[in-house]
């Protein structure tokens, strides 16, 4: 499981011109799932992100009750080492990835997070104000 985590002052995700998820100060998580990912990995990554001290004054989302916007992002497992067309074979297919994405969001909620989401598999437009900028890539 791979995540790009961005500290933001605000963010939203739109599908077909409608806002489906929105947060103020908090974190945007672009989440990629690969073939051998598990519920346990999803739980570990959720706990790591919830307590990650990357908000202002070395606070975590847990410390501040900050929102987390989670967006599925299969392209995090794209491979463009050869040629000019990336391959997506390392990304788990939808029937595997979607339940793990849903579990990851549920795991964050069980920890106390306020979670906004994109729509799995949809064509989404993400607007955010990156704070810092602060962006990390995490993998479990």
N, C-alpha and C. Protein backbone atom coordinates (compact mmCIF):
# COMPACT_ATOMS: atom_id res chain seq x y z
N UNK A 1 0.86 -1.16 0.00
CA UNK A 1 0.00 0.00 0.00
C UNK A 1 0.91 1.22 0.00
N UNK A 2 0.57 2.18 -0.82
CA UNK A 2 1.37 3.39 -0.99
C UNK A 2 0.46 4.60 -0.83
N UNK A 3 0.97 5.62 -0.14
CA UNK A 3 0.19 6.84 0.06
C UNK A 3 1.06 8.06 -0.15
N UNK A 4 0.51 9.03 -0.84
CA UNK A 4 1.10 10.37 -0.90
C UNK A 4 0.26 11.20 0.05
N UNK A 5 0.93 11.78 1.05
CA UNK A 5 0.24 12.53 2.10
C UNK A 5 0.66 13.99 1.99
N UNK A 6 -0.31 14.87 1.87
CA UNK A 6 -0.04 16.31 1.75
C UNK A 6 -0.73 17.06 2.89
N UNK A 7 0.05 17.93 3.51
CA UNK A 7 -0.53 18.83 4.52
C UNK A 7 -1.21 19.97 3.77
N UNK A 8 -2.48 20.24 4.13
CA UNK A 8 -3.25 21.25 3.40
C UNK A 8 -3.96 22.20 4.36
N UNK A 9 -4.26 23.38 3.84
CA UNK A 9 -5.11 24.31 4.59
C UNK A 9 -6.58 24.12 4.21
N UNK A 10 -6.80 23.53 3.02
CA UNK A 10 -8.14 23.19 2.56
C UNK A 10 -8.02 22.29 1.34
N UNK A 11 -9.03 21.46 1.13
CA UNK A 11 -9.03 20.58 -0.04
C UNK A 11 -10.45 20.11 -0.32
N UNK A 12 -10.67 19.79 -1.59
CA UNK A 12 -11.96 19.22 -1.97
C UNK A 12 -11.75 18.33 -3.20
N UNK A 13 -12.68 17.41 -3.37
CA UNK A 13 -12.67 16.55 -4.55
C UNK A 13 -14.05 16.64 -5.19
N UNK A 14 -14.05 16.85 -6.50
CA UNK A 14 -15.28 16.99 -7.28
C UNK A 14 -15.39 15.83 -8.27
N UNK A 15 -16.61 15.37 -8.45
CA UNK A 15 -16.93 14.36 -9.46
C UNK A 15 -18.10 14.90 -10.27
N UNK A 16 -17.92 14.96 -11.57
CA UNK A 16 -18.95 15.47 -12.49
C UNK A 16 -19.45 16.85 -12.06
N UNK A 17 -18.52 17.70 -11.61
CA UNK A 17 -18.86 19.07 -11.26
C UNK A 17 -19.45 19.25 -9.87
N UNK A 18 -19.62 18.17 -9.10
CA UNK A 18 -20.17 18.27 -7.75
C UNK A 18 -19.11 17.90 -6.72
N UNK A 19 -19.05 18.68 -5.64
CA UNK A 19 -18.12 18.37 -4.56
C UNK A 19 -18.64 17.17 -3.78
N UNK A 20 -17.79 16.12 -3.69
CA UNK A 20 -18.19 14.90 -2.98
C UNK A 20 -17.44 14.74 -1.65
N UNK A 21 -16.35 15.47 -1.48
CA UNK A 21 -15.58 15.43 -0.24
C UNK A 21 -14.82 16.72 -0.05
N UNK A 22 -14.75 17.19 1.20
CA UNK A 22 -14.12 18.48 1.45
C UNK A 22 -13.62 18.52 2.89
N UNK A 23 -12.43 19.14 3.09
CA UNK A 23 -11.90 19.36 4.43
C UNK A 23 -11.29 20.75 4.52
N UNK A 24 -11.09 21.21 5.74
CA UNK A 24 -10.31 22.42 5.99
C UNK A 24 -8.88 22.00 6.26
N UNK A 25 -8.27 22.52 7.31
CA UNK A 25 -6.91 22.15 7.68
C UNK A 25 -6.84 20.65 7.93
N UNK A 26 -5.84 20.02 7.34
CA UNK A 26 -5.68 18.58 7.55
C UNK A 26 -4.76 17.96 6.55
N UNK A 27 -5.11 16.74 6.13
CA UNK A 27 -4.26 15.95 5.24
C UNK A 27 -5.07 15.44 4.05
N UNK A 28 -4.43 15.47 2.89
CA UNK A 28 -4.95 14.79 1.71
C UNK A 28 -4.12 13.53 1.54
N UNK A 29 -4.80 12.40 1.39
CA UNK A 29 -4.12 11.12 1.22
C UNK A 29 -4.52 10.55 -0.13
N UNK A 30 -3.56 10.43 -1.04
CA UNK A 30 -3.77 9.72 -2.30
C UNK A 30 -3.32 8.29 -2.02
N UNK A 31 -4.23 7.32 -2.16
CA UNK A 31 -3.97 5.96 -1.72
C UNK A 31 -3.93 4.99 -2.90
N UNK A 32 -2.81 4.28 -3.02
CA UNK A 32 -2.66 3.25 -4.04
C UNK A 32 -2.60 1.88 -3.39
N UNK A 33 -3.23 0.91 -4.03
CA UNK A 33 -3.27 -0.45 -3.51
C UNK A 33 -2.63 -1.37 -4.54
N UNK A 34 -1.77 -2.29 -4.06
CA UNK A 34 -1.16 -3.27 -4.94
C UNK A 34 -1.69 -4.67 -4.60
N UNK A 35 -1.28 -5.66 -5.37
CA UNK A 35 -1.87 -7.00 -5.31
C UNK A 35 -1.76 -7.70 -3.96
N UNK A 36 -0.66 -7.52 -3.25
CA UNK A 36 -0.47 -8.27 -2.01
C UNK A 36 -0.81 -7.47 -0.76
N UNK A 37 -1.51 -6.38 -0.90
CA UNK A 37 -1.91 -5.59 0.27
C UNK A 37 -2.98 -6.32 1.07
N UNK A 38 -3.02 -6.01 2.36
CA UNK A 38 -3.92 -6.70 3.29
C UNK A 38 -4.64 -5.70 4.18
N UNK A 39 -5.64 -6.19 4.89
CA UNK A 39 -6.35 -5.37 5.88
C UNK A 39 -5.38 -4.90 6.96
N UNK A 40 -4.46 -5.76 7.36
CA UNK A 40 -3.48 -5.38 8.39
C UNK A 40 -2.60 -4.22 7.92
N UNK A 41 -2.19 -4.25 6.67
CA UNK A 41 -1.40 -3.13 6.13
C UNK A 41 -2.23 -1.85 6.09
N UNK A 42 -3.48 -1.97 5.71
CA UNK A 42 -4.37 -0.80 5.69
C UNK A 42 -4.50 -0.20 7.09
N UNK A 43 -4.66 -1.06 8.09
CA UNK A 43 -4.76 -0.58 9.48
C UNK A 43 -3.47 0.10 9.93
N UNK A 44 -2.33 -0.50 9.60
CA UNK A 44 -1.04 0.10 9.98
C UNK A 44 -0.84 1.47 9.33
N UNK A 45 -1.17 1.55 8.06
CA UNK A 45 -1.00 2.82 7.35
C UNK A 45 -1.96 3.88 7.89
N UNK A 46 -3.18 3.50 8.17
CA UNK A 46 -4.16 4.44 8.74
C UNK A 46 -3.65 4.98 10.08
N UNK A 47 -3.17 4.10 10.95
CA UNK A 47 -2.67 4.53 12.26
C UNK A 47 -1.46 5.44 12.11
N UNK A 48 -0.58 5.11 11.17
CA UNK A 48 0.61 5.93 10.93
C UNK A 48 0.20 7.34 10.48
N UNK A 49 -0.70 7.42 9.52
CA UNK A 49 -1.11 8.72 8.99
C UNK A 49 -1.86 9.52 10.07
N UNK A 50 -2.72 8.90 10.84
CA UNK A 50 -3.49 9.58 11.88
C UNK A 50 -2.59 10.22 12.93
N UNK A 51 -1.45 9.59 13.21
CA UNK A 51 -0.56 10.09 14.26
C UNK A 51 0.71 10.75 13.72
N UNK A 52 0.82 10.87 12.42
CA UNK A 52 1.99 11.48 11.78
C UNK A 52 2.08 12.96 12.15
N UNK A 53 3.18 13.38 12.71
CA UNK A 53 3.34 14.75 13.21
C UNK A 53 3.88 15.68 12.12
N UNK A 54 3.02 15.96 11.13
CA UNK A 54 3.44 16.84 10.05
C UNK A 54 2.58 18.10 9.92
N UNK A 55 1.61 18.25 10.80
CA UNK A 55 0.85 19.50 10.80
C UNK A 55 1.64 20.58 11.54
N UNK A 56 1.19 21.79 11.48
CA UNK A 56 1.90 22.90 12.13
C UNK A 56 2.22 22.59 13.59
N UNK A 57 3.36 23.10 14.06
CA UNK A 57 3.83 22.92 15.44
C UNK A 57 4.00 21.44 15.80
N UNK A 58 4.38 20.64 14.80
CA UNK A 58 4.63 19.21 14.98
C UNK A 58 3.45 18.46 15.59
N UNK A 59 2.27 18.85 15.18
CA UNK A 59 1.04 18.19 15.63
C UNK A 59 0.61 17.16 14.59
N UNK A 60 -0.19 16.22 15.05
CA UNK A 60 -0.77 15.22 14.14
C UNK A 60 -2.24 15.54 13.92
N UNK A 61 -2.83 14.87 12.95
CA UNK A 61 -4.27 15.02 12.74
C UNK A 61 -5.02 14.59 14.00
N UNK A 62 -4.49 13.56 14.69
CA UNK A 62 -5.11 13.10 15.94
C UNK A 62 -5.06 14.19 17.02
N UNK A 63 -3.95 14.90 17.10
CA UNK A 63 -3.81 15.97 18.10
C UNK A 63 -4.81 17.08 17.88
N UNK A 64 -5.04 17.41 16.61
CA UNK A 64 -5.86 18.58 16.27
C UNK A 64 -7.28 18.22 15.85
N UNK A 65 -7.56 16.95 15.66
CA UNK A 65 -8.86 16.57 15.12
C UNK A 65 -9.02 17.06 13.69
N UNK A 66 -7.91 17.15 12.98
CA UNK A 66 -7.91 17.66 11.60
C UNK A 66 -8.56 16.65 10.66
N UNK A 67 -9.17 17.14 9.61
CA UNK A 67 -9.80 16.28 8.63
C UNK A 67 -8.79 15.58 7.74
N UNK A 68 -9.23 14.47 7.16
CA UNK A 68 -8.41 13.72 6.21
C UNK A 68 -9.27 13.44 4.98
N UNK A 69 -8.79 13.88 3.83
CA UNK A 69 -9.45 13.61 2.56
C UNK A 69 -8.71 12.48 1.87
N UNK A 70 -9.39 11.35 1.63
CA UNK A 70 -8.76 10.17 1.03
C UNK A 70 -9.29 10.00 -0.38
N UNK A 71 -8.35 9.83 -1.32
CA UNK A 71 -8.69 9.67 -2.73
C UNK A 71 -7.97 8.44 -3.27
N UNK A 72 -8.69 7.53 -3.89
CA UNK A 72 -8.06 6.35 -4.50
C UNK A 72 -7.19 6.80 -5.67
N UNK A 73 -6.02 6.17 -5.81
CA UNK A 73 -5.06 6.63 -6.81
C UNK A 73 -4.25 5.45 -7.34
N UNK A 74 -4.84 4.66 -8.24
CA UNK A 74 -4.14 3.49 -8.76
C UNK A 74 -2.85 3.88 -9.49
N UNK A 75 -2.79 5.10 -9.99
CA UNK A 75 -1.60 5.52 -10.76
C UNK A 75 -0.35 5.62 -9.90
N UNK A 76 -0.47 5.54 -8.57
CA UNK A 76 0.72 5.52 -7.71
C UNK A 76 1.54 4.27 -7.97
N UNK A 77 0.93 3.25 -8.57
CA UNK A 77 1.67 2.04 -8.93
C UNK A 77 1.97 1.96 -10.42
N UNK A 78 1.94 3.10 -11.10
CA UNK A 78 2.33 3.13 -12.50
C UNK A 78 3.83 2.97 -12.64
N UNK A 79 4.24 2.33 -13.72
CA UNK A 79 5.66 2.10 -13.99
C UNK A 79 5.99 2.67 -15.36
N UNK A 80 6.82 3.71 -15.38
CA UNK A 80 7.18 4.36 -16.64
C UNK A 80 8.69 4.24 -16.91
N UNK A 81 9.31 3.20 -16.38
CA UNK A 81 10.76 3.04 -16.58
C UNK A 81 11.11 2.74 -18.03
N UNK A 82 10.22 2.06 -18.75
CA UNK A 82 10.48 1.72 -20.14
C UNK A 82 9.49 2.47 -21.03
N UNK A 83 10.00 3.04 -22.08
CA UNK A 83 9.13 3.70 -23.05
C UNK A 83 8.46 4.95 -22.50
N UNK A 84 7.38 5.33 -23.16
CA UNK A 84 6.67 6.55 -22.78
C UNK A 84 5.26 6.29 -22.30
N UNK A 85 4.86 5.03 -22.28
CA UNK A 85 3.53 4.67 -21.79
C UNK A 85 3.67 3.88 -20.50
N UNK A 86 3.16 4.43 -19.41
CA UNK A 86 3.25 3.69 -18.15
C UNK A 86 2.41 2.40 -18.20
N UNK A 87 2.85 1.41 -17.44
CA UNK A 87 2.04 0.21 -17.24
C UNK A 87 1.43 0.30 -15.85
N UNK A 88 0.31 -0.36 -15.68
CA UNK A 88 -0.41 -0.29 -14.41
C UNK A 88 -0.52 -1.67 -13.76
N UNK A 89 0.30 -2.61 -14.17
CA UNK A 89 0.16 -3.99 -13.70
C UNK A 89 0.41 -4.15 -12.20
N UNK A 90 1.15 -3.25 -11.59
CA UNK A 90 1.39 -3.36 -10.14
C UNK A 90 0.20 -2.88 -9.32
N UNK A 91 -0.71 -2.15 -9.93
CA UNK A 91 -1.91 -1.69 -9.22
C UNK A 91 -2.91 -2.84 -9.12
N UNK A 92 -3.48 -3.00 -7.95
CA UNK A 92 -4.50 -4.04 -7.77
C UNK A 92 -5.74 -3.68 -8.57
N UNK A 93 -6.44 -4.67 -9.12
CA UNK A 93 -7.68 -4.39 -9.84
C UNK A 93 -8.77 -3.92 -8.87
N UNK A 94 -9.75 -3.24 -9.41
CA UNK A 94 -10.83 -2.66 -8.60
C UNK A 94 -11.45 -3.61 -7.58
N UNK A 95 -11.80 -4.86 -7.96
CA UNK A 95 -12.42 -5.75 -6.99
C UNK A 95 -11.52 -6.08 -5.79
N UNK A 96 -10.21 -5.95 -5.95
CA UNK A 96 -9.28 -6.16 -4.84
C UNK A 96 -9.04 -4.84 -4.10
N UNK A 97 -8.83 -3.77 -4.87
CA UNK A 97 -8.43 -2.49 -4.28
C UNK A 97 -9.57 -1.78 -3.55
N UNK A 98 -10.78 -1.82 -4.10
CA UNK A 98 -11.87 -1.05 -3.49
C UNK A 98 -12.18 -1.47 -2.05
N UNK A 99 -12.28 -2.78 -1.75
CA UNK A 99 -12.53 -3.15 -0.35
C UNK A 99 -11.41 -2.70 0.59
N UNK A 100 -10.16 -2.71 0.12
CA UNK A 100 -9.05 -2.25 0.96
C UNK A 100 -9.08 -0.74 1.14
N UNK A 101 -9.44 -0.02 0.09
CA UNK A 101 -9.63 1.43 0.19
C UNK A 101 -10.73 1.74 1.22
N UNK A 102 -11.85 1.04 1.11
CA UNK A 102 -12.96 1.24 2.05
C UNK A 102 -12.53 0.91 3.48
N UNK A 103 -11.78 -0.17 3.64
CA UNK A 103 -11.31 -0.55 4.98
C UNK A 103 -10.35 0.49 5.54
N UNK A 104 -9.46 1.03 4.70
CA UNK A 104 -8.53 2.07 5.14
C UNK A 104 -9.30 3.27 5.68
N UNK A 105 -10.32 3.72 4.96
CA UNK A 105 -11.14 4.86 5.40
C UNK A 105 -11.87 4.53 6.70
N UNK A 106 -12.41 3.32 6.79
CA UNK A 106 -13.10 2.90 8.01
C UNK A 106 -12.14 2.81 9.19
N UNK A 107 -10.92 2.37 8.92
CA UNK A 107 -9.91 2.28 9.97
C UNK A 107 -9.57 3.67 10.52
N UNK A 108 -9.42 4.65 9.63
CA UNK A 108 -9.18 6.03 10.08
C UNK A 108 -10.34 6.51 10.94
N UNK A 109 -11.56 6.23 10.50
CA UNK A 109 -12.74 6.66 11.27
C UNK A 109 -12.77 5.99 12.65
N UNK A 110 -12.39 4.73 12.71
CA UNK A 110 -12.39 4.02 14.00
C UNK A 110 -11.36 4.61 14.96
N UNK A 111 -10.34 5.25 14.42
CA UNK A 111 -9.32 5.92 15.25
C UNK A 111 -9.79 7.29 15.72
N UNK A 112 -10.88 7.78 15.15
CA UNK A 112 -11.42 9.08 15.54
C UNK A 112 -11.33 10.15 14.47
N UNK A 113 -10.84 9.78 13.30
CA UNK A 113 -10.66 10.77 12.23
C UNK A 113 -11.99 11.13 11.57
N UNK A 114 -12.09 12.39 11.17
CA UNK A 114 -13.16 12.85 10.29
C UNK A 114 -12.63 12.67 8.88
N UNK A 115 -13.25 11.77 8.13
CA UNK A 115 -12.73 11.39 6.82
C UNK A 115 -13.71 11.82 5.73
N UNK A 116 -13.18 12.54 4.74
CA UNK A 116 -13.92 12.84 3.51
C UNK A 116 -13.29 11.96 2.43
N UNK A 117 -14.09 11.59 1.44
CA UNK A 117 -13.60 10.67 0.41
C UNK A 117 -13.93 11.14 -0.99
N UNK A 118 -13.12 10.65 -1.92
CA UNK A 118 -13.46 10.74 -3.31
C UNK A 118 -14.40 9.58 -3.63
N UNK A 119 -14.59 9.31 -4.91
CA UNK A 119 -15.42 8.20 -5.35
C UNK A 119 -14.50 7.20 -6.04
N UNK A 120 -14.40 6.01 -5.50
CA UNK A 120 -13.49 5.01 -6.04
C UNK A 120 -13.75 4.78 -7.53
N UNK A 121 -12.68 4.87 -8.32
CA UNK A 121 -12.76 4.60 -9.75
C UNK A 121 -13.32 5.72 -10.60
N UNK A 122 -13.76 6.81 -9.98
CA UNK A 122 -14.35 7.92 -10.74
C UNK A 122 -13.26 8.84 -11.30
N UNK A 123 -13.64 9.61 -12.29
CA UNK A 123 -12.78 10.68 -12.80
C UNK A 123 -12.97 11.86 -11.86
N UNK A 124 -11.94 12.19 -11.09
CA UNK A 124 -12.07 13.20 -10.03
C UNK A 124 -11.18 14.40 -10.30
N UNK A 125 -11.64 15.56 -9.83
CA UNK A 125 -10.85 16.78 -9.85
C UNK A 125 -10.57 17.15 -8.40
N UNK A 126 -9.29 17.27 -8.06
CA UNK A 126 -8.90 17.57 -6.68
C UNK A 126 -8.33 18.98 -6.64
N UNK A 127 -8.87 19.79 -5.75
CA UNK A 127 -8.36 21.14 -5.53
C UNK A 127 -7.86 21.20 -4.10
N UNK A 128 -6.64 21.69 -3.93
CA UNK A 128 -6.10 21.77 -2.58
C UNK A 128 -5.11 22.92 -2.49
N UNK A 129 -4.93 23.38 -1.26
CA UNK A 129 -3.88 24.34 -0.97
C UNK A 129 -2.88 23.63 -0.09
N UNK A 130 -1.74 23.27 -0.69
CA UNK A 130 -0.69 22.55 0.01
C UNK A 130 -0.04 23.52 0.98
N UNK A 131 0.05 23.12 2.22
CA UNK A 131 0.57 23.97 3.29
C UNK A 131 2.02 23.63 3.56
N UNK A 132 2.90 24.55 3.28
CA UNK A 132 4.33 24.35 3.55
C UNK A 132 5.21 24.67 2.37
N UNK A 133 5.18 23.94 1.31
CA UNK A 133 4.45 22.71 1.07
C UNK A 133 5.07 21.52 1.82
N UNK A 134 4.21 20.63 2.27
CA UNK A 134 4.66 19.43 2.96
C UNK A 134 3.99 18.24 2.31
N UNK A 135 4.80 17.36 1.73
CA UNK A 135 4.31 16.17 1.04
C UNK A 135 5.24 15.01 1.34
N UNK A 136 4.66 13.88 1.75
CA UNK A 136 5.42 12.67 2.03
C UNK A 136 4.87 11.49 1.25
N UNK A 137 5.75 10.55 0.91
CA UNK A 137 5.33 9.29 0.34
C UNK A 137 5.56 8.22 1.39
N UNK A 138 4.50 7.48 1.72
CA UNK A 138 4.57 6.41 2.72
C UNK A 138 4.24 5.08 2.07
N UNK A 139 4.89 4.03 2.54
CA UNK A 139 4.62 2.71 2.01
C UNK A 139 4.66 1.70 3.15
N UNK A 140 3.71 0.78 3.17
CA UNK A 140 3.72 -0.30 4.17
C UNK A 140 3.62 -1.64 3.47
